[in-house]
Amino acid sequence: VEKTTPDGTVHKLWRAASAELIGKLRT
């Protein structure tokens, strides 16, 4: 997702479904 809100902020969102990444974050 990429969108700009009225205050001029650009918002970018990446979906990350890697079980390895989530596991490392948990640890």
mmCIF file of all heavy atoms, coordinates in Angstrom:
data_MODEL
# 
_entry.id   MODEL 
# 
loop_
_atom_site.group_PDB 
_atom_site.id 
_atom_site.type_symbol 
_atom_site.label_atom_id 
_atom_site.label_alt_id 
_atom_site.label_comp_id 
_atom_site.label_asym_id 
_atom_site.label_entity_id 
_atom_site.label_seq_id 
_atom_site.pdbx_PDB_ins_code 
_atom_site.Cartn_x 
_atom_site.Cartn_y 
_atom_site.Cartn_z 
_atom_site.occupancy 
_atom_site.B_iso_or_equiv 
_atom_site.pdbx_formal_charge 
_atom_site.auth_seq_id 
_atom_site.auth_comp_id 
_atom_site.auth_asym_id 
_atom_site.auth_atom_id 
_atom_site.pdbx_PDB_model_num 
ATOM 1   N N   . VAL A 1 1  ? 0.861  -1.190  0.000  1.00 0.00 ? 1  VAL A N   1 
ATOM 2   C CA  . VAL A 1 1  ? 0.000  0.000   0.000  1.00 0.00 ? 1  VAL A CA  1 
ATOM 3   C C   . VAL A 1 1  ? 0.891  1.233   0.000  1.00 0.00 ? 1  VAL A C   1 
ATOM 4   O O   . VAL A 1 1  ? 1.899  1.276   0.702  1.00 0.00 ? 1  VAL A O   1 
ATOM 5   C CB  . VAL A 1 1  ? -0.918 0.040   1.248  1.00 0.00 ? 1  VAL A CB  1 
ATOM 6   C CG1 . VAL A 1 1  ? -1.717 1.347   1.288  1.00 0.00 ? 1  VAL A CG1 1 
ATOM 7   C CG2 . VAL A 1 1  ? -1.855 -1.160  1.277  1.00 0.00 ? 1  VAL A CG2 1 
ATOM 8   N N   . GLU A 1 2  ? 0.522  2.223   -0.793 1.00 0.00 ? 2  GLU A N   1 
ATOM 9   C CA  . GLU A 1 2  ? 1.173  3.532   -0.741 1.00 0.00 ? 2  GLU A CA  1 
ATOM 10  C C   . GLU A 1 2  ? 0.100  4.595   -0.914 1.00 0.00 ? 2  GLU A C   1 
ATOM 11  O O   . GLU A 1 2  ? -0.668 4.564   -1.876 1.00 0.00 ? 2  GLU A O   1 
ATOM 12  C CB  . GLU A 1 2  ? 2.230  3.669   -1.826 1.00 0.00 ? 2  GLU A CB  1 
ATOM 13  C CG  . GLU A 1 2  ? 2.966  5.003   -1.772 1.00 0.00 ? 2  GLU A CG  1 
ATOM 14  C CD  . GLU A 1 2  ? 4.163  5.074   -2.705 1.00 0.00 ? 2  GLU A CD  1 
ATOM 15  O OE1 . GLU A 1 2  ? 4.585  4.007   -3.209 1.00 0.00 ? 2  GLU A OE1 1 
ATOM 16  O OE2 . GLU A 1 2  ? 4.682  6.182   -2.943 1.00 0.00 ? 2  GLU A OE2 1 
ATOM 17  N N   . LYS A 1 3  ? 0.034  5.519   0.037  1.00 0.00 ? 3  LYS A N   1 
ATOM 18  C CA  . LYS A 1 3  ? -0.985 6.561   -0.017 1.00 0.00 ? 3  LYS A CA  1 
ATOM 19  C C   . LYS A 1 3  ? -0.458 7.816   0.657  1.00 0.00 ? 3  LYS A C   1 
ATOM 20  O O   . LYS A 1 3  ? 0.458  7.770   1.493  1.00 0.00 ? 3  LYS A O   1 
ATOM 21  C CB  . LYS A 1 3  ? -2.266 6.100   0.667  1.00 0.00 ? 3  LYS A CB  1 
ATOM 22  C CG  . LYS A 1 3  ? -2.122 5.790   2.146  1.00 0.00 ? 3  LYS A CG  1 
ATOM 23  C CD  . LYS A 1 3  ? -3.389 5.188   2.732  1.00 0.00 ? 3  LYS A CD  1 
ATOM 24  C CE  . LYS A 1 3  ? -4.542 6.152   2.706  1.00 0.00 ? 3  LYS A CE  1 
ATOM 25  N NZ  . LYS A 1 3  ? -5.744 5.601   3.370  1.00 0.00 ? 3  LYS A NZ  1 
ATOM 26  N N   . THR A 1 4  ? -1.056 8.952   0.292  1.00 0.00 ? 4  THR A N   1 
ATOM 27  C CA  . THR A 1 4  ? -0.701 10.236  0.884  1.00 0.00 ? 4  THR A CA  1 
ATOM 28  C C   . THR A 1 4  ? -1.916 10.793  1.608  1.00 0.00 ? 4  THR A C   1 
ATOM 29  O O   . THR A 1 4  ? -3.005 10.861  1.046  1.00 0.00 ? 4  THR A O   1 
ATOM 30  C CB  . THR A 1 4  ? -0.238 11.237  -0.188 1.00 0.00 ? 4  THR A CB  1 
ATOM 31  O OG1 . THR A 1 4  ? 0.884  10.683  -0.895 1.00 0.00 ? 4  THR A OG1 1 
ATOM 32  C CG2 . THR A 1 4  ? 0.174  12.561  0.446  1.00 0.00 ? 4  THR A CG2 1 
ATOM 33  N N   . THR A 1 5  ? -1.745 11.171  2.863  1.00 0.00 ? 5  THR A N   1 
ATOM 34  C CA  . THR A 1 5  ? -2.828 11.729  3.661  1.00 0.00 ? 5  THR A CA  1 
ATOM 35  C C   . THR A 1 5  ? -2.850 13.257  3.518  1.00 0.00 ? 5  THR A C   1 
ATOM 36  O O   . THR A 1 5  ? -1.890 13.853  3.033  1.00 0.00 ? 5  THR A O   1 
ATOM 37  C CB  . THR A 1 5  ? -2.680 11.323  5.134  1.00 0.00 ? 5  THR A CB  1 
ATOM 38  O OG1 . THR A 1 5  ? -1.306 11.479  5.543  1.00 0.00 ? 5  THR A OG1 1 
ATOM 39  C CG2 . THR A 1 5  ? -3.064 9.865   5.335  1.00 0.00 ? 5  THR A CG2 1 
ATOM 40  N N   . PRO A 1 6  ? -3.955 13.909  3.899  1.00 0.00 ? 6  PRO A N   1 
ATOM 41  C CA  . PRO A 1 6  ? -4.088 15.359  3.695  1.00 0.00 ? 6  PRO A CA  1 
ATOM 42  C C   . PRO A 1 6  ? -2.973 16.202  4.304  1.00 0.00 ? 6  PRO A C   1 
ATOM 43  O O   . PRO A 1 6  ? -2.724 17.323  3.851  1.00 0.00 ? 6  PRO A O   1 
ATOM 44  C CB  . PRO A 1 6  ? -5.442 15.670  4.342  1.00 0.00 ? 6  PRO A CB  1 
ATOM 45  C CG  . PRO A 1 6  ? -6.234 14.415  4.182  1.00 0.00 ? 6  PRO A CG  1 
ATOM 46  C CD  . PRO A 1 6  ? -5.230 13.321  4.364  1.00 0.00 ? 6  PRO A CD  1 
ATOM 47  N N   . ASP A 1 7  ? -2.295 15.691  5.333  1.00 0.00 ? 7  ASP A N   1 
ATOM 48  C CA  . ASP A 1 7  ? -1.211 16.471  5.936  1.00 0.00 ? 7  ASP A CA  1 
ATOM 49  C C   . ASP A 1 7  ? 0.084  16.384  5.128  1.00 0.00 ? 7  ASP A C   1 
ATOM 50  O O   . ASP A 1 7  ? 1.114  16.943  5.517  1.00 0.00 ? 7  ASP A O   1 
ATOM 51  C CB  . ASP A 1 7  ? -0.952 16.022  7.373  1.00 0.00 ? 7  ASP A CB  1 
ATOM 52  C CG  . ASP A 1 7  ? -0.473 14.573  7.472  1.00 0.00 ? 7  ASP A CG  1 
ATOM 53  O OD1 . ASP A 1 7  ? -0.348 13.893  6.428  1.00 0.00 ? 7  ASP A OD1 1 
ATOM 54  O OD2 . ASP A 1 7  ? -0.232 14.108  8.605  1.00 0.00 ? 7  ASP A OD2 1 
ATOM 55  N N   . GLY A 1 8  ? 0.041  15.687  3.982  1.00 0.00 ? 8  GLY A N   1 
ATOM 56  C CA  . GLY A 1 8  ? 1.208  15.575  3.112  1.00 0.00 ? 8  GLY A CA  1 
ATOM 57  C C   . GLY A 1 8  ? 2.102  14.389  3.409  1.00 0.00 ? 8  GLY A C   1 
ATOM 58  O O   . GLY A 1 8  ? 3.081  14.155  2.697  1.00 0.00 ? 8  GLY A O   1 
ATOM 59  N N   . THR A 1 9  ? 1.770  13.596  4.420  1.00 0.00 ? 9  THR A N   1 
ATOM 60  C CA  . THR A 1 9  ? 2.587  12.431  4.768  1.00 0.00 ? 9  THR A CA  1 
ATOM 61  C C   . THR A 1 9  ? 2.354  11.306  3.765  1.00 0.00 ? 9  THR A C   1 
ATOM 62  O O   . THR A 1 9  ? 1.213  10.970  3.434  1.00 0.00 ? 9  THR A O   1 
ATOM 63  C CB  . THR A 1 9  ? 2.249  11.926  6.181  1.00 0.00 ? 9  THR A CB  1 
ATOM 64  O OG1 . THR A 1 9  ? 2.458  12.982  7.122  1.00 0.00 ? 9  THR A OG1 1 
ATOM 65  C CG2 . THR A 1 9  ? 3.119  10.738  6.555  1.00 0.00 ? 9  THR A CG2 1 
ATOM 66  N N   . VAL A 1 10 ? 3.436  10.717  3.278  1.00 0.00 ? 10 VAL A N   1 
ATOM 67  C CA  . VAL A 1 10 ? 3.365  9.556   2.393  1.00 0.00 ? 10 VAL A CA  1 
ATOM 68  C C   . VAL A 1 10 ? 3.519  8.305   3.258  1.00 0.00 ? 10 VAL A C   1 
ATOM 69  O O   . VAL A 1 10 ? 4.496  8.173   4.006  1.00 0.00 ? 10 VAL A O   1 
ATOM 70  C CB  . VAL A 1 10 ? 4.463  9.592   1.317  1.00 0.00 ? 10 VAL A CB  1 
ATOM 71  C CG1 . VAL A 1 10 ? 4.397  8.339   0.439  1.00 0.00 ? 10 VAL A CG1 1 
ATOM 72  C CG2 . VAL A 1 10 ? 4.331  10.844  0.458  1.00 0.00 ? 10 VAL A CG2 1 
ATOM 73  N N   . HIS A 1 11 ? 2.551  7.416   3.153  1.00 0.00 ? 11 HIS A N   1 
ATOM 74  C CA  . HIS A 1 11 ? 2.542  6.182   3.940  1.00 0.00 ? 11 HIS A CA  1 
ATOM 75  C C   . HIS A 1 11 ? 2.829  4.994   3.011  1.00 0.00 ? 11 HIS A C   1 
ATOM 76  O O   . HIS A 1 11 ? 2.150  4.831   1.994  1.00 0.00 ? 11 HIS A O   1 
ATOM 77  C CB  . HIS A 1 11 ? 1.184  5.984   4.615  1.00 0.00 ? 11 HIS A CB  1 
ATOM 78  C CG  . HIS A 1 11 ? 0.769  7.132   5.478  1.00 0.00 ? 11 HIS A CG  1 
ATOM 79  N ND1 . HIS A 1 11 ? 0.986  7.173   6.833  1.00 0.00 ? 11 HIS A ND1 1 
ATOM 80  C CD2 . HIS A 1 11 ? 0.135  8.306   5.161  1.00 0.00 ? 11 HIS A CD2 1 
ATOM 81  C CE1 . HIS A 1 11 ? 0.510  8.303   7.325  1.00 0.00 ? 11 HIS A CE1 1 
ATOM 82  N NE2 . HIS A 1 11 ? -0.010 9.010   6.329  1.00 0.00 ? 11 HIS A NE2 1 
ATOM 83  N N   . LYS A 1 12 ? 3.815  4.187   3.376  1.00 0.00 ? 12 LYS A N   1 
ATOM 84  C CA  . LYS A 1 12 ? 4.146  2.993   2.608  1.00 0.00 ? 12 LYS A CA  1 
ATOM 85  C C   . LYS A 1 12 ? 4.107  1.782   3.533  1.00 0.00 ? 12 LYS A C   1 
ATOM 86  O O   . LYS A 1 12 ? 4.643  1.825   4.639  1.00 0.00 ? 12 LYS A O   1 
ATOM 87  C CB  . LYS A 1 12 ? 5.539  3.115   1.986  1.00 0.00 ? 12 LYS A CB  1 
ATOM 88  C CG  . LYS A 1 12 ? 5.660  4.224   0.946  1.00 0.00 ? 12 LYS A CG  1 
ATOM 89  C CD  . LYS A 1 12 ? 7.058  4.239   0.320  1.00 0.00 ? 12 LYS A CD  1 
ATOM 90  C CE  . LYS A 1 12 ? 7.182  5.332   -0.737 1.00 0.00 ? 12 LYS A CE  1 
ATOM 91  N NZ  . LYS A 1 12 ? 8.528  5.309   -1.376 1.00 0.00 ? 12 LYS A NZ  1 
ATOM 92  N N   . LEU A 1 13 ? 3.476  0.727   3.046  1.00 0.00 ? 13 LEU A N   1 
ATOM 93  C CA  . LEU A 1 13 ? 3.296  -0.482  3.856  1.00 0.00 ? 13 LEU A CA  1 
ATOM 94  C C   . LEU A 1 13 ? 3.720  -1.704  3.044  1.00 0.00 ? 13 LEU A C   1 
ATOM 95  O O   . LEU A 1 13 ? 3.292  -1.872  1.906  1.00 0.00 ? 13 LEU A O   1 
ATOM 96  C CB  . LEU A 1 13 ? 1.828  -0.617  4.265  1.00 0.00 ? 13 LEU A CB  1 
ATOM 97  C CG  . LEU A 1 13 ? 1.498  -1.692  5.287  1.00 0.00 ? 13 LEU A CG  1 
ATOM 98  C CD1 . LEU A 1 13 ? 1.862  -1.213  6.687  1.00 0.00 ? 13 LEU A CD1 1 
ATOM 99  C CD2 . LEU A 1 13 ? 0.006  -2.037  5.233  1.00 0.00 ? 13 LEU A CD2 1 
ATOM 100 N N   . TRP A 1 14 ? 4.588  -2.516  3.639  1.00 0.00 ? 14 TRP A N   1 
ATOM 101 C CA  . TRP A 1 14 ? 5.007  -3.774  3.024  1.00 0.00 ? 14 TRP A CA  1 
ATOM 102 C C   . TRP A 1 14 ? 4.517  -4.941  3.875  1.00 0.00 ? 14 TRP A C   1 
ATOM 103 O O   . TRP A 1 14 ? 4.713  -4.953  5.095  1.00 0.00 ? 14 TRP A O   1 
ATOM 104 C CB  . TRP A 1 14 ? 6.532  -3.862  2.938  1.00 0.00 ? 14 TRP A CB  1 
ATOM 105 C CG  . TRP A 1 14 ? 7.187  -2.960  1.954  1.00 0.00 ? 14 TRP A CG  1 
ATOM 106 C CD1 . TRP A 1 14 ? 7.562  -3.247  0.674  1.00 0.00 ? 14 TRP A CD1 1 
ATOM 107 C CD2 . TRP A 1 14 ? 7.614  -1.598  2.191  1.00 0.00 ? 14 TRP A CD2 1 
ATOM 108 N NE1 . TRP A 1 14 ? 8.186  -2.161  0.101  1.00 0.00 ? 14 TRP A NE1 1 
ATOM 109 C CE2 . TRP A 1 14 ? 8.231  -1.133  0.994  1.00 0.00 ? 14 TRP A CE2 1 
ATOM 110 C CE3 . TRP A 1 14 ? 7.522  -0.744  3.287  1.00 0.00 ? 14 TRP A CE3 1 
ATOM 111 C CZ2 . TRP A 1 14 ? 8.748  0.150   0.883  1.00 0.00 ? 14 TRP A CZ2 1 
ATOM 112 C CZ3 . TRP A 1 14 ? 8.033  0.539   3.179  1.00 0.00 ? 14 TRP A CZ3 1 
ATOM 113 C CH2 . TRP A 1 14 ? 8.641  0.982   1.988  1.00 0.00 ? 14 TRP A CH2 1 
ATOM 114 N N   . ARG A 1 15 ? 3.928  -5.913  3.246  1.00 0.00 ? 15 ARG A N   1 
ATOM 115 C CA  . ARG A 1 15 ? 3.507  -7.120  3.946  1.00 0.00 ? 15 ARG A CA  1 
ATOM 116 C C   . ARG A 1 15 ? 4.692  -8.086  3.991  1.00 0.00 ? 15 ARG A C   1 
ATOM 117 O O   . ARG A 1 15 ? 5.314  -8.376  2.967  1.00 0.00 ? 15 ARG A O   1 
ATOM 118 C CB  . ARG A 1 15 ? 2.326  -7.763  3.223  1.00 0.00 ? 15 ARG A CB  1 
ATOM 119 C CG  . ARG A 1 15 ? 1.785  -9.020  3.882  1.00 0.00 ? 15 ARG A CG  1 
ATOM 120 C CD  . ARG A 1 15 ? 0.561  -9.526  3.124  1.00 0.00 ? 15 ARG A CD  1 
ATOM 121 N NE  . ARG A 1 15 ? 0.071  -10.747 3.720  1.00 0.00 ? 15 ARG A NE  1 
ATOM 122 C CZ  . ARG A 1 15 ? 0.554  -11.961 3.433  1.00 0.00 ? 15 ARG A CZ  1 
ATOM 123 N NH1 . ARG A 1 15 ? 1.542  -12.092 2.552  1.00 0.00 ? 15 ARG A NH1 1 
ATOM 124 N NH2 . ARG A 1 15 ? 0.063  -13.039 4.023  1.00 0.00 ? 15 ARG A NH2 1 
ATOM 125 N N   . ALA A 1 16 ? 5.021  -8.615  5.171  1.00 0.00 ? 16 ALA A N   1 
ATOM 126 C CA  . ALA A 1 16 ? 6.155  -9.527  5.350  1.00 0.00 ? 16 ALA A CA  1 
ATOM 127 C C   . ALA A 1 16 ? 5.659  -10.797 6.019  1.00 0.00 ? 16 ALA A C   1 
ATOM 128 O O   . ALA A 1 16 ? 5.347  -10.797 7.213  1.00 0.00 ? 16 ALA A O   1 
ATOM 129 C CB  . ALA A 1 16 ? 7.247  -8.863  6.190  1.00 0.00 ? 16 ALA A CB  1 
ATOM 130 N N   . ALA A 1 17 ? 5.565  -11.874 5.251  1.00 0.00 ? 17 ALA A N   1 
ATOM 131 C CA  . ALA A 1 17 ? 4.985  -13.121 5.754  1.00 0.00 ? 17 ALA A CA  1 
ATOM 132 C C   . ALA A 1 17 ? 6.033  -14.193 6.033  1.00 0.00 ? 17 ALA A C   1 
ATOM 133 O O   . ALA A 1 17 ? 5.675  -15.329 6.365  1.00 0.00 ? 17 ALA A O   1 
ATOM 134 C CB  . ALA A 1 17 ? 3.957  -13.654 4.753  1.00 0.00 ? 17 ALA A CB  1 
ATOM 135 N N   . SER A 1 18 ? 7.301  -13.864 5.930  1.00 0.00 ? 18 SER A N   1 
ATOM 136 C CA  . SER A 1 18 ? 8.360  -14.853 6.130  1.00 0.00 ? 18 SER A CA  1 
ATOM 137 C C   . SER A 1 18 ? 8.354  -15.365 7.568  1.00 0.00 ? 18 SER A C   1 
ATOM 138 O O   . SER A 1 18 ? 8.513  -14.605 8.525  1.00 0.00 ? 18 SER A O   1 
ATOM 139 C CB  . SER A 1 18 ? 9.717  -14.221 5.814  1.00 0.00 ? 18 SER A CB  1 
ATOM 140 O OG  . SER A 1 18 ? 10.767 -15.005 6.324  1.00 0.00 ? 18 SER A OG  1 
ATOM 141 N N   . ALA A 1 19 ? 8.193  -16.678 7.713  1.00 0.00 ? 19 ALA A N   1 
ATOM 142 C CA  . ALA A 1 19 ? 8.231  -17.286 9.050  1.00 0.00 ? 19 ALA A CA  1 
ATOM 143 C C   . ALA A 1 19 ? 9.603  -17.088 9.686  1.00 0.00 ? 19 ALA A C   1 
ATOM 144 O O   . ALA A 1 19 ? 9.724  -16.926 10.906 1.00 0.00 ? 19 ALA A O   1 
ATOM 145 C CB  . ALA A 1 19 ? 7.897  -18.772 8.952  1.00 0.00 ? 19 ALA A CB  1 
ATOM 146 N N   . GLU A 1 20 ? 10.645 -17.068 8.855  1.00 0.00 ? 20 GLU A N   1 
ATOM 147 C CA  . GLU A 1 20 ? 12.000 -16.862 9.372  1.00 0.00 ? 20 GLU A CA  1 
ATOM 148 C C   . GLU A 1 20 ? 12.131 -15.460 9.967  1.00 0.00 ? 20 GLU A C   1 
ATOM 149 O O   . GLU A 1 20 ? 12.691 -15.289 11.058 1.00 0.00 ? 20 GLU A O   1 
ATOM 150 C CB  . GLU A 1 20 ? 13.025 -17.046 8.256  1.00 0.00 ? 20 GLU A CB  1 
ATOM 151 C CG  . GLU A 1 20 ? 14.461 -16.859 8.728  1.00 0.00 ? 20 GLU A CG  1 
ATOM 152 C CD  . GLU A 1 20 ? 15.461 -17.013 7.598  1.00 0.00 ? 20 GLU A CD  1 
ATOM 153 O OE1 . GLU A 1 20 ? 15.035 -17.163 6.434  1.00 0.00 ? 20 GLU A OE1 1 
ATOM 154 O OE2 . GLU A 1 20 ? 16.676 -16.968 7.879  1.00 0.00 ? 20 GLU A OE2 1 
ATOM 155 N N   . LEU A 1 21 ? 11.618 -14.445 9.258  1.00 0.00 ? 21 LEU A N   1 
ATOM 156 C CA  . LEU A 1 21 ? 11.682 -13.074 9.765  1.00 0.00 ? 21 LEU A CA  1 
ATOM 157 C C   . LEU A 1 21 ? 10.903 -12.932 11.067 1.00 0.00 ? 21 LEU A C   1 
ATOM 158 O O   . LEU A 1 21 ? 11.408 -12.357 12.051 1.00 0.00 ? 21 LEU A O   1 
ATOM 159 C CB  . LEU A 1 21 ? 11.119 -12.107 8.720  1.00 0.00 ? 21 LEU A CB  1 
ATOM 160 C CG  . LEU A 1 21 ? 10.902 -10.661 9.189  1.00 0.00 ? 21 LEU A CG  1 
ATOM 161 C CD1 . LEU A 1 21 ? 12.215 -10.024 9.607  1.00 0.00 ? 21 LEU A CD1 1 
ATOM 162 C CD2 . LEU A 1 21 ? 10.207 -9.839  8.106  1.00 0.00 ? 21 LEU A CD2 1 
ATOM 163 N N   . ILE A 1 22 ? 9.686  -13.460 11.088 1.00 0.00 ? 22 ILE A N   1 
ATOM 164 C CA  . ILE A 1 22 ? 8.868  -13.353 12.296 1.00 0.00 ? 22 ILE A CA  1 
ATOM 165 C C   . ILE A 1 22 ? 9.547  -14.065 13.466 1.00 0.00 ? 22 ILE A C   1 
ATOM 166 O O   . ILE A 1 22 ? 9.551  -13.570 14.604 1.00 0.00 ? 22 ILE A O   1 
ATOM 167 C CB  . ILE A 1 22 ? 7.453  -13.916 12.035 1.00 0.00 ? 22 ILE A CB  1 
ATOM 168 C CG1 . ILE A 1 22 ? 6.735  -13.057 10.987 1.00 0.00 ? 22 ILE A CG1 1 
ATOM 169 C CG2 . ILE A 1 22 ? 6.643  -13.959 13.329 1.00 0.00 ? 22 ILE A CG2 1 
ATOM 170 C CD1 . ILE A 1 22 ? 5.401  -13.616 10.514 1.00 0.00 ? 22 ILE A CD1 1 
ATOM 171 N N   . GLY A 1 23 ? 10.160 -15.206 13.193 1.00 0.00 ? 23 GLY A N   1 
ATOM 172 C CA  . GLY A 1 23 ? 10.873 -15.929 14.239 1.00 0.00 ? 23 GLY A CA  1 
ATOM 173 C C   . GLY A 1 23 ? 12.053 -15.134 14.785 1.00 0.00 ? 23 GLY A C   1 
ATOM 174 O O   . GLY A 1 23 ? 12.283 -15.103 16.003 1.00 0.00 ? 23 GLY A O   1 
ATOM 175 N N   . LYS A 1 24 ? 12.787 -14.479 13.909 1.00 0.00 ? 24 LYS A N   1 
ATOM 176 C CA  . LYS A 1 24 ? 13.928 -13.668 14.354 1.00 0.00 ? 24 LYS A CA  1 
ATOM 177 C C   . LYS A 1 24 ? 13.462 -12.459 15.164 1.00 0.00 ? 24 LYS A C   1 
ATOM 178 O O   . LYS A 1 24 ? 14.109 -12.065 16.134 1.00 0.00 ? 24 LYS A O   1 
ATOM 179 C CB  . LYS A 1 24 ? 14.751 -13.232 13.147 1.00 0.00 ? 24 LYS A CB  1 
ATOM 180 C CG  . LYS A 1 24 ? 15.556 -14.363 12.514 1.00 0.00 ? 24 LYS A CG  1 
ATOM 181 C CD  . LYS A 1 24 ? 16.369 -13.878 11.327 1.00 0.00 ? 24 LYS A CD  1 
ATOM 182 C CE  . LYS A 1 24 ? 17.217 -15.012 10.752 1.00 0.00 ? 24 LYS A CE  1 
ATOM 183 N NZ  . LYS A 1 24 ? 18.017 -14.574 9.574  1.00 0.00 ? 24 LYS A NZ  1 
ATOM 184 N N   . LEU A 1 25 ? 12.350 -11.869 14.746 1.00 0.00 ? 25 LEU A N   1 
ATOM 185 C CA  . LEU A 1 25 ? 11.803 -10.742 15.506 1.00 0.00 ? 25 LEU A CA  1 
ATOM 186 C C   . LEU A 1 25 ? 11.399 -11.207 16.909 1.00 0.00 ? 25 LEU A C   1 
ATOM 187 O O   . LEU A 1 25 ? 11.675 -10.522 17.899 1.00 0.00 ? 25 LEU A O   1 
ATOM 188 C CB  . LEU A 1 25 ? 10.598 -10.142 14.783 1.00 0.00 ? 25 LEU A CB  1 
ATOM 189 C CG  . LEU A 1 25 ? 10.896 -9.333  13.521 1.00 0.00 ? 25 LEU A CG  1 
ATOM 190 C CD1 . LEU A 1 25 ? 9.604  -9.016  12.778 1.00 0.00 ? 25 LEU A CD1 1 
ATOM 191 C CD2 . LEU A 1 25 ? 11.639 -8.037  13.866 1.00 0.00 ? 25 LEU A CD2 1 
ATOM 192 N N   . ARG A 1 26 ? 10.747 -12.339 16.997 1.00 0.00 ? 26 ARG A N   1 
ATOM 193 C CA  . ARG A 1 26 ? 10.359 -12.880 18.305 1.00 0.00 ? 26 ARG A CA  1 
ATOM 194 C C   . ARG A 1 26 ? 11.573 -13.046 19.211 1.00 0.00 ? 26 ARG A C   1 
ATOM 195 O O   . ARG A 1 26 ? 11.578 -12.632 20.381 1.00 0.00 ? 26 ARG A O   1 
ATOM 196 C CB  . ARG A 1 26 ? 9.701  -14.243 18.128 1.00 0.00 ? 26 ARG A CB  1 
ATOM 197 C CG  . ARG A 1 26 ? 8.258  -14.232 17.721 1.00 0.00 ? 26 ARG A CG  1 
ATOM 198 C CD  . ARG A 1 26 ? 7.800  -15.656 17.685 1.00 0.00 ? 26 ARG A CD  1 
ATOM 199 N NE  . ARG A 1 26 ? 6.419  -15.783 17.272 1.00 0.00 ? 26 ARG A NE  1 
ATOM 200 C CZ  . ARG A 1 26 ? 5.841  -16.957 17.026 1.00 0.00 ? 26 ARG A CZ  1 
ATOM 201 N NH1 . ARG A 1 26 ? 6.530  -18.074 17.160 1.00 0.00 ? 26 ARG A NH1 1 
ATOM 202 N NH2 . ARG A 1 26 ? 4.576  -17.008 16.667 1.00 0.00 ? 26 ARG A NH2 1 
ATOM 203 N N   . THR A 1 27 ? 12.605 -13.668 18.676 1.00 0.00 ? 27 THR A N   1 
ATOM 204 C CA  . THR A 1 27 ? 13.803 -13.929 19.467 1.00 0.00 ? 27 THR A CA  1 
ATOM 205 C C   . THR A 1 27 ? 14.442 -12.623 19.922 1.00 0.00 ? 27 THR A C   1 
ATOM 206 O O   . THR A 1 27 ? 14.851 -12.486 21.082 1.00 0.00 ? 27 THR A O   1 
ATOM 207 C CB  . THR A 1 27 ? 14.814 -14.748 18.642 1.00 0.00 ? 27 THR A CB  1 
ATOM 208 O OG1 . THR A 1 27 ? 14.210 -15.995 18.275 1.00 0.00 ? 27 THR A OG1 1 
ATOM 209 C CG2 . THR A 1 27 ? 16.079 -15.014 19.445 1.00 0.00 ? 27 THR A CG2 1 
# 
